[in-house]
Amino acid sequence: RVTKAGDLIDVSVTMSPLHDASGRIIGASKIARDITARKRAEDALREADRRKDEFIGVLSHELRNPLAPIRNSIYILEHSDPGGEVARAARAVIARQIAHLTRLVDDLLDVTRIARGKIQLRRTRADLTEIVHRSGEDHRSVVEQRGLSLRVVVPPDPLWVDGDATRLSQIIGNLLQNAAKFSPPGGTVDLSLAAESDWAEIQVKDQGVGIAPEVLKHLFDPFFQAHATLARTEGGLGLGLALVKGIAELHGGSVRALSGGAGRGAEFVVRLPTIAFERATAPAPRVGPRVVPHPRAHVLVVEDDREVAGSMVELLELLGHEVELARDGPTAIARAHSHPPDVVLCDIGLPGMSGYEVARSFRSDPVLRSVRLVAVTGYALEEDRAEAAHAGFDCHIAKPADPDEIERLLT
């Protein structure tokens, strides 16, 4: 139906007969209801359901893909010379695929945190010139592996922002990876930084496949894949650009995409507010828990999953530490009393007594309260980290734990 103002709306029409005193039909009544809002809500629900099903399919594909080379590499390690070139290559494959899986999970968590307003920026006075230059060099190999060249242009002087340097580097990394992913070999990717009044502009420009006009408005939506096909040759969950938008907006900035269309490349521009040097103050030094070095530490591992526990014990013994294992909270507390550890690596999701309860028990015990407590857990949202700190943990490490990080904590 078209309204007097010329707007097209959806209506529901109900017709009912009208009767006279004798029951004879003498006419009809018509009731028209505007159901535009309801139809839009139904369409939105259908679209959300479709996107959910599509995302689950993509997620399944992206998580299974790294598992295939990991499984194949384990077989190779079991049937080859441990010190040979084939075994070294297999170990490298496993390391790369685990890093890839970790990035996928981290991206999912970041998008969830941003959507729920739970992400916390660690703001300092940061030199954006240095961040852009360093991020470009860090990702140069990613670009060059695709047969592309990378040009980085930054101003000669510092450009100061009040921001989280790690998250700002994440913006640049995601844009460079996106440019490399959708550019054919032989092209150039340009990364540049410029100042405009009280704003800084980071530009990433490529000579790749370009972006169709109808795609531009959806480009920063989570899980959106402009070039998705069954082949999934480029991979990814479609979260990189959504994270760029979310992080830029958390810094009080914005991002926009420009393209001349298919085959004509793309340009992404991130705008961030700058701060004057004289108004900026250096961050106060952070005071963390005292770390006592232990060349050979006595470590108590509290973990109920047998394979996770076994691999952690083997890792710690390989690093030269004395290790005890407890599979539940009460056992951990009893063993700590009989042989007090230097460090406890504790899971959170333990049977019966949670890792939080274990930490609170240690902190309330005069004998154990000074023991260093580290949560090693799959609960890795910002509120999980906060709850771990509130319970008494000194540190929080998300699974899968990086062996180098574990070693740094102990030494």
Protein backbone atom coordinates (compact mmCIF):
# COMPACT_ATOMS: atom_id res chain seq x y z
CA ARG A 1 0.00 0.00 0.00
CA VAL A 2 1.20 3.54 -0.76
CA THR A 3 0.52 6.24 1.85
CA LYS A 4 -0.49 9.81 1.04
CA ALA A 5 3.15 10.79 1.60
CA GLY A 6 4.18 8.29 -1.08
CA ASP A 7 5.73 5.72 1.30
CA LEU A 8 5.27 2.02 0.58
CA ILE A 9 4.08 0.09 3.64
CA ASP A 10 2.98 -3.49 4.38
CA VAL A 11 -0.62 -3.91 5.50
CA SER A 12 -2.76 -6.75 6.80
CA VAL A 13 -6.37 -6.59 5.53
CA THR A 14 -9.26 -8.35 7.33
CA MET A 15 -12.67 -8.57 5.63
CA SER A 16 -15.83 -9.36 7.64
CA PRO A 17 -19.46 -9.62 6.36
CA LEU A 18 -22.17 -7.31 7.74
CA HIS A 19 -25.64 -8.79 8.47
CA ASP A 20 -29.07 -7.22 8.95
CA ALA A 21 -31.54 -8.23 11.66
CA SER A 22 -32.70 -11.22 9.64
CA GLY A 23 -29.16 -12.47 9.10
CA ARG A 24 -28.97 -11.45 5.47
CA ILE A 25 -25.53 -10.17 4.28
CA ILE A 26 -25.89 -6.53 3.41
CA GLY A 27 -22.24 -5.52 3.07
CA ALA A 28 -18.74 -6.00 4.43
CA SER A 29 -16.29 -4.31 6.75
CA LYS A 30 -12.63 -3.95 6.02
CA ILE A 31 -9.86 -3.39 8.59
CA ALA A 32 -6.34 -2.53 7.35
CA ARG A 33 -3.42 -2.71 9.80
CA ASP A 34 0.06 -1.33 9.22
CA ILE A 35 2.40 -4.29 9.75
CA THR A 36 5.55 -2.69 8.31
CA ALA A 37 7.45 -2.85 11.61
CA ARG A 38 6.49 -6.50 12.13
CA LYS A 39 7.56 -7.43 8.60
CA ARG A 40 10.89 -5.68 9.05
CA ALA A 41 11.45 -7.49 12.34
CA GLU A 42 10.62 -10.84 10.70
CA ASP A 43 12.94 -10.10 7.79
CA ALA A 44 15.73 -9.13 10.22
CA LEU A 45 15.26 -12.37 12.17
CA ARG A 46 15.38 -14.43 8.97
CA GLU A 47 18.55 -12.62 7.88
CA ALA A 48 20.14 -13.11 11.31
CA ASP A 49 19.27 -16.81 11.21
CA ARG A 50 20.76 -17.13 7.73
CA ARG A 51 23.94 -15.32 8.79
CA LYS A 52 24.19 -17.54 11.88
CA ASP A 53 23.94 -20.74 9.83
CA GLU A 54 26.45 -19.39 7.34
CA PHE A 55 28.84 -18.41 10.11
CA ILE A 56 28.65 -21.82 11.79
CA GLY A 57 29.51 -23.43 8.46
CA VAL A 58 32.44 -21.06 7.93
CA LEU A 59 33.65 -21.50 11.52
CA SER A 60 33.55 -25.30 11.17
CA HIS A 61 35.58 -25.05 7.97
CA GLU A 62 38.13 -22.63 9.39
CA LEU A 63 38.68 -24.62 12.59
CA ARG A 64 38.92 -27.97 10.79
CA ASN A 65 41.35 -26.72 8.16
CA PRO A 66 44.34 -26.31 10.53
CA LEU A 67 43.59 -29.67 12.17
CA ALA A 68 44.36 -31.58 8.96
CA PRO A 69 48.03 -30.49 8.67
CA ILE A 70 48.45 -30.87 12.46
CA ARG A 71 47.21 -34.48 12.28
CA ASN A 72 49.37 -35.22 9.23
CA SER A 73 52.42 -33.67 10.88
CA ILE A 74 51.94 -35.76 14.03
CA TYR A 75 51.87 -38.90 11.87
CA ILE A 76 55.07 -37.74 10.14
CA LEU A 77 56.76 -37.15 13.50
CA GLU A 78 55.81 -40.66 14.63
CA HIS A 79 57.33 -42.25 11.51
CA SER A 80 60.42 -40.16 10.78
CA ASP A 81 63.84 -39.38 12.23
CA PRO A 82 63.18 -36.88 15.10
CA GLY A 83 66.29 -34.90 14.18
CA GLY A 84 65.78 -34.98 10.42
CA GLU A 85 64.65 -32.24 8.05
CA VAL A 86 61.21 -33.86 7.54
CA ALA A 87 60.54 -33.82 11.29
CA ARG A 88 61.69 -30.20 11.59
CA ALA A 89 59.33 -29.20 8.79
CA ALA A 90 56.46 -31.06 10.48
CA ARG A 91 57.09 -29.28 13.77
CA ALA A 92 57.10 -25.93 11.97
CA VAL A 93 53.74 -26.79 10.37
CA ILE A 94 52.24 -27.63 13.77
CA ALA A 95 53.53 -24.35 15.26
CA ARG A 96 52.08 -22.28 12.39
CA GLN A 97 48.70 -23.96 12.50
CA ILE A 98 48.40 -23.63 16.27
CA ALA A 99 49.21 -19.92 15.93
CA HIS A 100 46.50 -19.68 13.25
CA LEU A 101 43.91 -21.40 15.46
CA THR A 102 44.84 -19.11 18.35
CA ARG A 103 44.33 -16.03 16.15
CA LEU A 104 40.89 -17.26 15.09
CA VAL A 105 39.80 -17.72 18.70
CA ASP A 106 41.32 -14.37 19.75
CA ASP A 107 39.43 -12.59 16.95
CA LEU A 108 36.17 -14.19 18.05
CA LEU A 109 36.77 -13.10 21.64
CA ASP A 110 37.72 -9.56 20.57
CA VAL A 111 34.56 -9.13 18.50
CA THR A 112 32.48 -10.41 21.43
CA ARG A 113 34.20 -8.03 23.85
CA ILE A 114 33.67 -5.03 21.56
CA ALA A 115 30.00 -5.92 20.96
CA ARG A 116 29.40 -6.20 24.72
CA GLY A 117 31.45 -3.11 25.59
CA LYS A 118 33.85 -5.23 27.63
CA ILE A 119 37.12 -4.51 25.84
CA GLN A 120 39.55 -2.37 27.85
CA LEU A 121 42.16 -0.18 26.18
CA ARG A 122 45.55 0.21 27.86
CA ARG A 123 45.96 3.86 26.94
CA THR A 124 49.30 5.66 27.00
CA ARG A 125 50.84 8.56 25.12
CA ALA A 126 51.81 6.69 21.95
CA ASP A 127 53.80 7.80 18.92
CA LEU A 128 51.68 6.80 15.93
CA THR A 129 54.60 7.42 13.55
CA GLU A 130 56.63 4.75 15.33
CA ILE A 131 53.64 2.38 15.58
CA VAL A 132 52.84 2.58 11.86
CA HIS A 133 56.49 2.15 10.84
CA ARG A 134 57.02 -0.81 13.17
CA SER A 135 53.73 -2.49 12.19
CA GLY A 136 54.62 -2.16 8.52
CA GLU A 137 57.97 -3.84 9.07
CA ASP A 138 56.38 -6.56 11.24
CA HIS A 139 53.95 -7.44 8.42
CA ARG A 140 56.32 -6.94 5.48
CA SER A 141 56.97 -10.68 5.21
CA VAL A 142 53.20 -11.40 5.10
CA VAL A 143 52.82 -9.03 2.15
CA GLU A 144 55.95 -10.17 0.32
CA GLN A 145 55.01 -13.86 0.67
CA ARG A 146 52.04 -13.06 -1.59
CA GLY A 147 54.37 -11.72 -4.29
CA LEU A 148 53.62 -8.08 -3.42
CA SER A 149 55.79 -5.14 -2.48
CA LEU A 150 55.09 -2.92 0.52
CA ARG A 151 55.73 0.83 0.62
CA VAL A 152 55.62 2.55 4.01
CA VAL A 153 55.54 6.37 4.22
CA VAL A 154 55.44 8.11 7.60
CA PRO A 155 56.14 11.71 8.65
CA PRO A 156 59.62 12.53 10.02
CA ASP A 157 58.27 13.71 13.37
CA PRO A 158 56.30 11.93 16.10
CA LEU A 159 52.51 12.05 15.89
CA TRP A 160 51.07 11.58 19.36
CA VAL A 161 47.80 9.85 20.23
CA ASP A 162 46.18 8.75 23.46
CA GLY A 163 45.79 5.09 22.66
CA ASP A 164 46.56 1.43 23.13
CA ALA A 165 49.69 0.75 21.05
CA THR A 166 48.95 -2.98 20.80
CA ARG A 167 45.41 -2.41 19.53
CA LEU A 168 46.55 0.28 17.09
CA SER A 169 49.12 -2.17 15.71
CA GLN A 170 46.28 -4.68 15.39
CA ILE A 171 44.35 -2.23 13.19
CA ILE A 172 47.32 -1.82 10.84
CA GLY A 173 48.08 -5.54 10.79
CA ASN A 174 44.49 -6.45 9.93
CA LEU A 175 44.39 -3.91 7.09
CA LEU A 176 47.70 -5.10 5.65
CA GLN A 177 46.64 -8.74 5.83
CA ASN A 178 43.37 -7.85 4.13
CA ALA A 179 45.23 -6.02 1.35
CA ALA A 180 47.62 -8.94 0.85
CA LYS A 181 44.77 -11.44 0.82
CA PHE A 182 42.88 -9.76 -2.00
CA SER A 183 45.77 -8.54 -4.19
CA PRO A 184 47.20 -10.56 -7.09
CA PRO A 185 51.00 -11.11 -7.16
CA GLY A 186 53.05 -8.34 -8.67
CA GLY A 187 51.16 -5.44 -7.13
CA THR A 188 52.03 -2.93 -4.44
CA VAL A 189 50.48 -2.23 -1.05
CA ASP A 190 50.91 1.31 0.30
CA LEU A 191 50.84 2.08 4.02
CA SER A 192 51.01 5.76 4.94
CA LEU A 193 50.43 8.12 7.85
CA ALA A 194 49.60 11.82 7.59
CA ALA A 195 48.46 14.58 9.93
CA GLU A 196 45.40 16.69 9.24
CA SER A 197 44.63 19.40 11.80
CA ASP A 198 43.90 17.55 15.07
CA TRP A 199 43.58 14.18 13.34
CA ALA A 200 45.91 11.48 12.10
CA GLU A 201 45.04 9.43 9.02
CA ILE A 202 46.38 5.94 8.44
CA GLN A 203 45.89 4.81 4.84
CA VAL A 204 46.29 1.31 3.41
CA LYS A 205 45.90 1.16 -0.35
CA ASP A 206 46.12 -1.87 -2.63
CA GLN A 207 45.84 -2.68 -6.33
CA GLY A 208 43.71 -5.76 -5.76
CA VAL A 209 40.30 -7.11 -6.68
CA GLY A 210 38.44 -3.99 -5.54
CA ILE A 211 35.08 -3.71 -3.82
CA ALA A 212 31.68 -3.55 -5.52
CA PRO A 213 29.53 -0.55 -4.47
CA GLU A 214 26.80 -2.77 -2.98
CA VAL A 215 29.39 -4.45 -0.76
CA LEU A 216 30.88 -1.30 0.77
CA LYS A 217 28.00 -0.72 3.22
CA HIS A 218 28.40 -4.23 4.70
CA LEU A 219 32.19 -4.42 4.66
CA PHE A 220 32.68 -3.75 8.38
CA ASP A 221 29.90 -6.09 9.57
CA PRO A 222 31.14 -9.05 11.65
CA PHE A 223 31.39 -12.32 9.70
CA PHE A 224 30.75 -10.59 6.36
CA GLN A 225 32.63 -12.21 3.49
CA ALA A 226 32.50 -10.26 0.23
CA HIS A 227 34.16 -13.02 -1.78
CA ALA A 228 32.86 -16.09 0.06
CA THR A 229 32.63 -19.27 -1.99
CA LEU A 230 32.62 -22.97 -1.19
CA ALA A 231 36.30 -23.06 -2.10
CA ARG A 232 37.15 -20.72 0.82
CA THR A 233 40.52 -20.14 -0.83
CA GLU A 234 41.25 -17.01 1.20
CA GLY A 235 40.02 -18.34 4.55
CA GLY A 236 39.22 -16.28 7.62
CA LEU A 237 36.06 -15.61 9.57
CA GLY A 238 35.33 -12.16 8.19
CA LEU A 239 36.27 -10.49 11.49
CA GLY A 240 39.35 -8.48 10.58
CA LEU A 241 37.60 -5.37 9.28
CA ALA A 242 34.94 -5.51 12.00
CA LEU A 243 37.76 -5.41 14.56
CA VAL A 244 39.38 -2.47 12.75
CA LYS A 245 36.12 -0.52 12.99
CA GLY A 246 35.50 -1.44 16.62
CA ILE A 247 39.03 -0.57 17.80
CA ALA A 248 39.10 2.69 15.83
CA GLU A 249 35.78 3.80 17.36
CA LEU A 250 36.98 2.89 20.87
CA HIS A 251 39.81 5.38 20.27
CA GLY A 252 37.31 8.06 19.24
CA GLY A 253 38.13 7.56 15.56
CA SER A 254 36.58 6.07 12.47
CA VAL A 255 37.36 3.98 9.38
CA ARG A 256 36.05 4.16 5.83
CA ALA A 257 36.62 2.12 2.69
CA LEU A 258 36.96 3.48 -0.85
CA SER A 259 37.07 1.60 -4.13
CA GLY A 260 36.49 2.27 -7.80
CA GLY A 261 34.78 -1.11 -8.13
CA ALA A 262 35.77 -4.62 -9.16
CA GLY A 263 39.40 -4.93 -10.26
CA ARG A 264 40.29 -1.35 -9.29
CA GLY A 265 41.85 -1.85 -5.86
CA ALA A 266 40.73 -0.55 -2.49
CA GLU A 267 41.75 2.05 0.06
CA PHE A 268 41.06 2.05 3.79
CA VAL A 269 41.40 5.24 5.83
CA VAL A 270 41.52 5.22 9.63
CA ARG A 271 41.15 8.59 11.37
CA LEU A 272 42.31 9.00 14.97
CA PRO A 273 42.36 12.10 17.19
CA THR A 274 45.85 13.36 18.05
CA ILE A 275 47.09 14.99 21.24
CA ALA A 276 49.63 17.78 21.69
CA PHE A 277 52.97 16.79 23.15
CA GLU A 278 52.83 19.38 25.93
CA ARG A 279 49.47 18.04 27.13
CA ALA A 280 50.68 14.49 27.16
CA THR A 281 52.11 12.97 30.27
CA ALA A 282 54.17 9.84 30.44
CA PRO A 283 52.33 6.87 31.92
CA ALA A 284 53.00 6.11 35.53
CA PRO A 285 55.20 3.06 36.02
CA ARG A 286 53.14 -0.07 36.51
CA VAL A 287 53.62 -1.85 39.77
CA GLY A 288 52.89 -5.53 39.46
CA PRO A 289 53.28 -8.51 41.77
CA ARG A 290 56.82 -9.24 42.87
CA VAL A 291 58.43 -11.90 40.68
CA VAL A 292 61.08 -14.00 42.37
CA PRO A 293 63.34 -15.78 39.88
CA HIS A 294 63.59 -19.52 40.36
CA PRO A 295 66.30 -21.16 38.20
CA ARG A 296 64.68 -24.45 39.21
CA ALA A 297 61.18 -23.78 40.52
CA HIS A 298 58.90 -26.17 42.34
CA VAL A 299 55.69 -25.97 40.29
CA LEU A 300 52.30 -27.39 41.23
CA VAL A 301 50.06 -28.01 38.21
CA VAL A 302 46.33 -28.17 38.98
CA GLU A 303 44.52 -29.57 35.93
CA ASP A 304 41.80 -32.23 35.57
CA ASP A 305 42.21 -32.92 31.83
CA ARG A 306 44.72 -35.77 31.58
CA GLU A 307 46.25 -34.82 28.24
CA VAL A 308 46.52 -31.13 29.08
CA ALA A 309 48.02 -31.98 32.46
CA GLY A 310 50.43 -34.54 31.00
CA SER A 311 51.73 -32.20 28.32
CA MET A 312 52.17 -29.34 30.84
CA VAL A 313 54.13 -31.58 33.23
CA GLU A 314 56.38 -32.76 30.38
CA LEU A 315 56.95 -29.17 29.25
CA LEU A 316 57.90 -27.97 32.74
CA GLU A 317 60.22 -30.92 33.32
CA LEU A 318 61.84 -30.23 29.96
CA LEU A 319 62.45 -26.66 31.16
CA GLY A 320 64.21 -28.08 34.21
CA HIS A 321 61.61 -27.51 36.92
CA GLU A 322 60.38 -29.78 39.70
CA VAL A 323 56.73 -30.59 39.03
CA GLU A 324 53.82 -31.98 41.02
CA LEU A 325 50.34 -32.64 39.63
CA ALA A 326 46.93 -32.39 41.28
CA ARG A 327 43.70 -33.11 39.41
CA ASP A 328 41.36 -31.25 41.76
CA GLY A 329 41.34 -28.39 44.25
CA PRO A 330 41.40 -30.26 47.58
CA THR A 331 44.31 -32.43 46.41
CA ALA A 332 46.20 -29.31 45.30
CA ILE A 333 45.77 -27.65 48.71
CA ALA A 334 46.85 -30.81 50.55
CA ARG A 335 49.97 -31.23 48.40
CA ALA A 336 50.85 -27.55 48.76
CA HIS A 337 50.76 -27.95 52.56
CA SER A 338 53.02 -31.00 52.52
CA HIS A 339 55.46 -29.48 50.00
CA PRO A 340 54.84 -25.73 49.44
CA PRO A 341 55.39 -24.82 45.76
CA ASP A 342 57.01 -21.69 44.38
CA VAL A 343 54.37 -21.36 41.64
CA VAL A 344 50.92 -22.86 41.04
CA LEU A 345 49.60 -23.20 37.48
CA CYS A 346 45.88 -23.71 38.03
CA ASP A 347 42.95 -24.38 35.71
CA ILE A 348 39.66 -22.61 36.50
CA GLY A 349 37.10 -25.21 35.40
CA LEU A 350 37.98 -27.88 37.95
CA PRO A 351 35.53 -30.52 39.22
CA GLY A 352 33.86 -29.71 42.54
CA MET A 353 36.11 -26.90 43.69
CA SER A 354 36.77 -24.24 41.03
CA GLY A 355 40.13 -22.62 40.40
CA TYR A 356 38.76 -19.38 41.89
CA GLU A 357 38.01 -21.22 45.14
CA VAL A 358 41.50 -22.73 45.10
CA ALA A 359 43.02 -19.24 44.78
CA ARG A 360 40.88 -17.85 47.61
CA SER A 361 41.88 -20.79 49.80
CA PHE A 362 45.58 -20.13 49.15
CA ARG A 363 45.25 -16.42 49.86
CA SER A 364 43.44 -17.00 53.16
CA ASP A 365 45.99 -19.57 54.37
CA PRO A 366 48.96 -18.09 56.33
CA VAL A 367 51.23 -20.86 55.06
CA LEU A 368 50.29 -20.58 51.35
CA ARG A 369 49.25 -16.95 50.87
CA SER A 370 52.62 -15.85 49.39
CA VAL A 371 52.69 -18.58 46.72
CA ARG A 372 52.62 -17.19 43.17
CA LEU A 373 49.31 -18.19 41.51
CA VAL A 374 48.85 -18.32 37.73
CA ALA A 375 45.48 -19.10 36.13
CA VAL A 376 45.91 -21.21 32.97
CA THR A 377 42.43 -21.48 31.50
CA GLY A 378 40.14 -21.43 28.52
CA TYR A 379 38.02 -18.75 30.24
CA ALA A 380 39.67 -15.76 28.57
CA LEU A 381 37.13 -12.92 28.42
CA GLU A 382 37.93 -9.63 30.16
CA GLU A 383 35.50 -10.42 32.97
CA ASP A 384 37.22 -13.81 33.45
CA ARG A 385 40.58 -12.06 33.87
CA ALA A 386 39.02 -9.64 36.34
CA GLU A 387 37.44 -12.46 38.33
CA ALA A 388 40.76 -14.32 38.42
CA ALA A 389 42.53 -11.24 39.79
CA HIS A 390 39.75 -10.71 42.34
CA ALA A 391 40.09 -14.33 43.50
CA GLY A 392 43.82 -13.83 44.13
CA PHE A 393 45.63 -14.94 40.97
CA ASP A 394 48.78 -12.98 40.12
CA CYS A 395 48.59 -13.74 36.39
CA HIS A 396 46.14 -15.05 33.82
CA ILE A 397 47.19 -17.08 30.75
CA ALA A 398 44.65 -18.15 28.13
CA LYS A 399 44.82 -21.67 26.74
CA PRO A 400 46.61 -22.78 24.66
CA ALA A 401 49.44 -21.45 26.80
CA ASP A 402 52.55 -20.26 24.97
CA PRO A 403 55.52 -22.30 26.30
CA ASP A 404 57.76 -19.21 26.06
CA GLU A 405 55.31 -17.26 28.23
CA ILE A 406 55.25 -20.07 30.78
CA GLU A 407 59.06 -20.09 30.85
CA ARG A 408 59.21 -16.30 31.32
CA LEU A 409 56.80 -16.52 34.26
CA LEU A 410 58.96 -19.10 35.97
CA THR A 411 62.36 -17.56 35.32
